[in-house]
Amino acid sequence: MDHDLEELKRVGGILNEAFVLLRREKERLEERRSGRSHDSSAGSPRQTLIGLGGMVDGLRKRMGGLAQYVGFMTLGLENQAARERALLRHAPLSVPSGVDRMARPLGEDTVRAMQLLRELDTFFGDGFADRIDRALAAPEATYPPADWDAYAKELWREANGGADVTP
């Protein structure tokens, strides 16, 4: 249990630091945003804030789950702890996909938060660091797509090993 608790402290510290950075970036951009633009194109101020908000919420929920797990574990409630532990291994919602909505260049706090979260690749698994690397390397926002049909075909190709969509 002590080893597990040390690992969870490390994970919680990284999650919290990334959360603070992303929340600060979101607040900074909200202050700079003038008016209520309805532009929903990829990289617009609206989409950038949606992306940041999703990541902030995802990290907040994952930290809450971490606290519940530690609490259940400490209280000896094994069944509840086991359920929370299983959920903890899933990457936080909208991380790193929220970056796909954001205007480039990305803010310094966003980049730093993603670099910190990248350290949790072995905790979350499933190519977490690779997904962060792809999101950070994109030269422009990629979501929402301008052409939904082309986007759906690309998702299908990726899911099917590069095979073209059949008519």
Protein backbone atom coordinates (compact mmCIF):
# COMPACT_ATOMS: atom_id res chain seq x y z
CA MET A 1 0.00 0.00 0.00
CA ASP A 2 2.84 2.44 0.78
CA HIS A 3 4.37 1.98 -2.69
CA ASP A 4 0.96 2.48 -4.27
CA LEU A 5 0.39 5.59 -2.18
CA GLU A 6 3.77 7.06 -3.23
CA GLU A 7 2.89 6.51 -6.90
CA LEU A 8 -0.52 8.08 -6.38
CA LYS A 9 1.06 11.11 -4.68
CA ARG A 10 3.29 11.55 -7.74
CA VAL A 11 0.33 11.20 -10.11
CA GLY A 12 -1.79 13.57 -8.03
CA GLY A 13 0.97 16.16 -7.94
CA ILE A 14 1.33 16.09 -11.73
CA LEU A 15 -2.43 16.20 -12.27
CA ASN A 16 -2.76 19.15 -9.91
CA GLU A 17 0.12 21.11 -11.45
CA ALA A 18 -1.28 20.58 -14.96
CA PHE A 19 -4.76 21.53 -13.71
CA VAL A 20 -3.47 24.82 -12.25
CA LEU A 21 -1.61 25.68 -15.48
CA LEU A 22 -4.62 24.95 -17.71
CA ARG A 23 -7.05 26.78 -15.44
CA ARG A 24 -4.74 29.81 -15.43
CA GLU A 25 -4.51 29.69 -19.25
CA LYS A 26 -8.29 29.48 -19.52
CA GLU A 27 -8.80 32.44 -17.16
CA ARG A 28 -6.20 34.49 -19.07
CA LEU A 29 -7.89 33.85 -22.39
CA GLU A 30 -11.37 34.53 -20.99
CA GLU A 31 -10.19 37.94 -19.81
CA ARG A 32 -8.74 38.77 -23.24
CA ARG A 33 -11.78 37.59 -25.17
CA SER A 34 -13.96 40.45 -26.27
CA GLY A 35 -17.60 39.80 -27.00
CA ARG A 36 -19.32 36.51 -27.55
CA SER A 37 -18.24 35.28 -30.94
CA HIS A 38 -20.29 32.45 -32.38
CA ASP A 39 -17.42 31.33 -34.61
CA SER A 40 -17.15 27.60 -34.02
CA SER A 41 -14.34 26.85 -36.44
CA ALA A 42 -11.27 24.99 -35.27
CA GLY A 43 -8.90 27.33 -33.45
CA SER A 44 -11.48 30.07 -32.90
CA PRO A 45 -11.47 31.76 -29.48
CA ARG A 46 -14.67 29.88 -28.67
CA GLN A 47 -13.21 26.48 -29.57
CA THR A 48 -9.97 27.27 -27.76
CA LEU A 49 -11.90 27.97 -24.56
CA ILE A 50 -14.03 24.85 -25.04
CA GLY A 51 -10.84 22.79 -25.38
CA LEU A 52 -9.28 24.31 -22.27
CA GLY A 53 -12.51 23.98 -20.30
CA GLY A 54 -12.81 20.31 -21.22
CA MET A 55 -9.28 19.59 -20.10
CA VAL A 56 -9.70 21.53 -16.83
CA ASP A 57 -12.91 19.60 -16.07
CA GLY A 58 -11.31 16.27 -17.03
CA LEU A 59 -8.37 16.85 -14.72
CA ARG A 60 -10.64 18.02 -11.89
CA LYS A 61 -12.70 14.83 -12.18
CA ARG A 62 -9.63 12.59 -12.33
CA MET A 63 -8.20 14.27 -9.20
CA GLY A 64 -11.55 13.75 -7.47
CA GLY A 65 -11.44 10.07 -8.41
CA LEU A 66 -7.92 9.82 -7.08
CA ALA A 67 -9.01 11.33 -3.76
CA GLN A 68 -11.96 8.93 -3.56
CA TYR A 69 -9.71 5.97 -4.25
CA VAL A 70 -7.25 6.97 -1.53
CA GLY A 71 -10.15 7.58 0.86
CA PHE A 72 -11.78 4.21 0.18
CA MET A 73 -8.40 2.48 0.40
CA THR A 74 -7.61 4.18 3.71
CA LEU A 75 -11.00 3.25 5.14
CA GLY A 76 -10.56 -0.37 4.08
CA LEU A 77 -13.51 -0.30 1.67
CA GLU A 78 -11.93 -2.65 -0.86
CA ASN A 79 -14.85 -2.99 -3.30
CA GLN A 80 -15.30 0.75 -3.68
CA ALA A 81 -11.53 1.25 -3.90
CA ALA A 82 -11.24 -1.37 -6.65
CA ARG A 83 -13.87 0.40 -8.75
CA GLU A 84 -12.16 3.78 -8.35
CA ARG A 85 -8.75 2.25 -9.10
CA ALA A 86 -10.03 0.86 -12.41
CA LEU A 87 -11.39 4.27 -13.38
CA LEU A 88 -8.13 6.00 -12.46
CA ARG A 89 -6.29 4.17 -15.24
CA HIS A 90 -8.39 5.91 -17.90
CA ALA A 91 -6.92 9.15 -19.21
CA PRO A 92 -8.76 12.28 -18.07
CA LEU A 93 -11.60 13.28 -20.39
CA SER A 94 -10.62 15.77 -23.08
CA VAL A 95 -6.89 15.29 -22.42
CA PRO A 96 -5.18 15.79 -24.79
CA SER A 97 -8.06 16.08 -27.29
CA GLY A 98 -8.92 19.57 -25.99
CA VAL A 99 -5.66 20.75 -27.58
CA ASP A 100 -7.09 19.76 -30.98
CA ARG A 101 -9.58 22.64 -30.68
CA MET A 102 -7.04 25.29 -29.72
CA ALA A 103 -5.51 28.10 -31.79
CA ARG A 104 -1.81 27.95 -32.51
CA PRO A 105 0.64 28.84 -31.21
CA LEU A 106 -0.42 27.20 -27.99
CA GLY A 107 0.08 29.16 -24.80
CA GLU A 108 3.11 28.44 -22.65
CA ASP A 109 0.96 27.13 -19.78
CA THR A 110 -0.86 24.73 -22.10
CA VAL A 111 2.38 23.34 -23.51
CA ARG A 112 3.89 22.97 -20.03
CA ALA A 113 0.76 21.20 -18.74
CA MET A 114 0.86 18.74 -21.63
CA GLN A 115 4.56 18.08 -21.07
CA LEU A 116 3.87 17.35 -17.41
CA LEU A 117 0.96 15.05 -18.21
CA ARG A 118 3.14 13.21 -20.71
CA GLU A 119 5.03 11.84 -17.67
CA LEU A 120 1.90 9.83 -16.81
CA ASP A 121 2.12 7.67 -19.95
CA THR A 122 2.77 4.47 -18.00
CA PHE A 123 0.01 5.27 -15.52
CA PHE A 124 -2.66 5.90 -18.15
CA GLY A 125 -1.19 3.76 -20.95
CA ASP A 126 -2.96 3.34 -24.27
CA GLY A 127 -0.51 5.64 -26.05
CA PHE A 128 -1.21 8.63 -23.81
CA ALA A 129 2.19 10.28 -24.45
CA ASP A 130 1.90 9.65 -28.21
CA ARG A 131 -1.51 11.31 -28.30
CA ILE A 132 -0.08 14.31 -26.44
CA ASP A 133 2.86 14.48 -28.86
CA ARG A 134 0.51 14.44 -31.88
CA ALA A 135 -1.72 17.13 -30.39
CA LEU A 136 1.26 19.37 -29.62
CA ALA A 137 2.85 18.81 -33.05
CA ALA A 138 -0.26 19.75 -35.05
CA PRO A 139 0.46 23.03 -36.86
CA GLU A 140 -3.13 24.17 -36.43
CA ALA A 141 -6.34 23.26 -34.65
CA THR A 142 -7.93 20.15 -36.13
CA TYR A 143 -11.33 20.00 -34.43
CA PRO A 144 -14.09 20.55 -35.28
CA PRO A 145 -13.38 19.63 -38.88
CA ALA A 146 -14.44 21.89 -41.72
CA ASP A 147 -15.53 18.80 -43.71
CA TRP A 148 -17.32 16.23 -41.56
CA ASP A 149 -17.51 13.64 -44.36
CA ALA A 150 -13.74 13.75 -44.93
CA TYR A 151 -13.21 13.59 -41.17
CA ALA A 152 -15.43 10.50 -40.84
CA LYS A 153 -13.58 8.80 -43.71
CA GLU A 154 -10.21 9.53 -42.10
CA LEU A 155 -11.40 8.10 -38.77
CA TRP A 156 -12.61 4.99 -40.59
CA ARG A 157 -9.24 4.63 -42.37
CA GLU A 158 -7.35 4.95 -39.10
CA ALA A 159 -9.60 2.39 -37.43
CA ASN A 160 -9.15 -0.03 -40.34
CA GLY A 161 -5.42 0.04 -40.79
CA GLY A 162 -5.34 2.61 -43.59
CA ALA A 163 -7.87 0.87 -45.84
CA ASP A 164 -9.93 3.19 -48.02
CA VAL A 165 -13.62 3.62 -47.38
CA THR A 166 -15.65 1.52 -49.79
CA PRO A 167 -18.54 3.22 -51.59
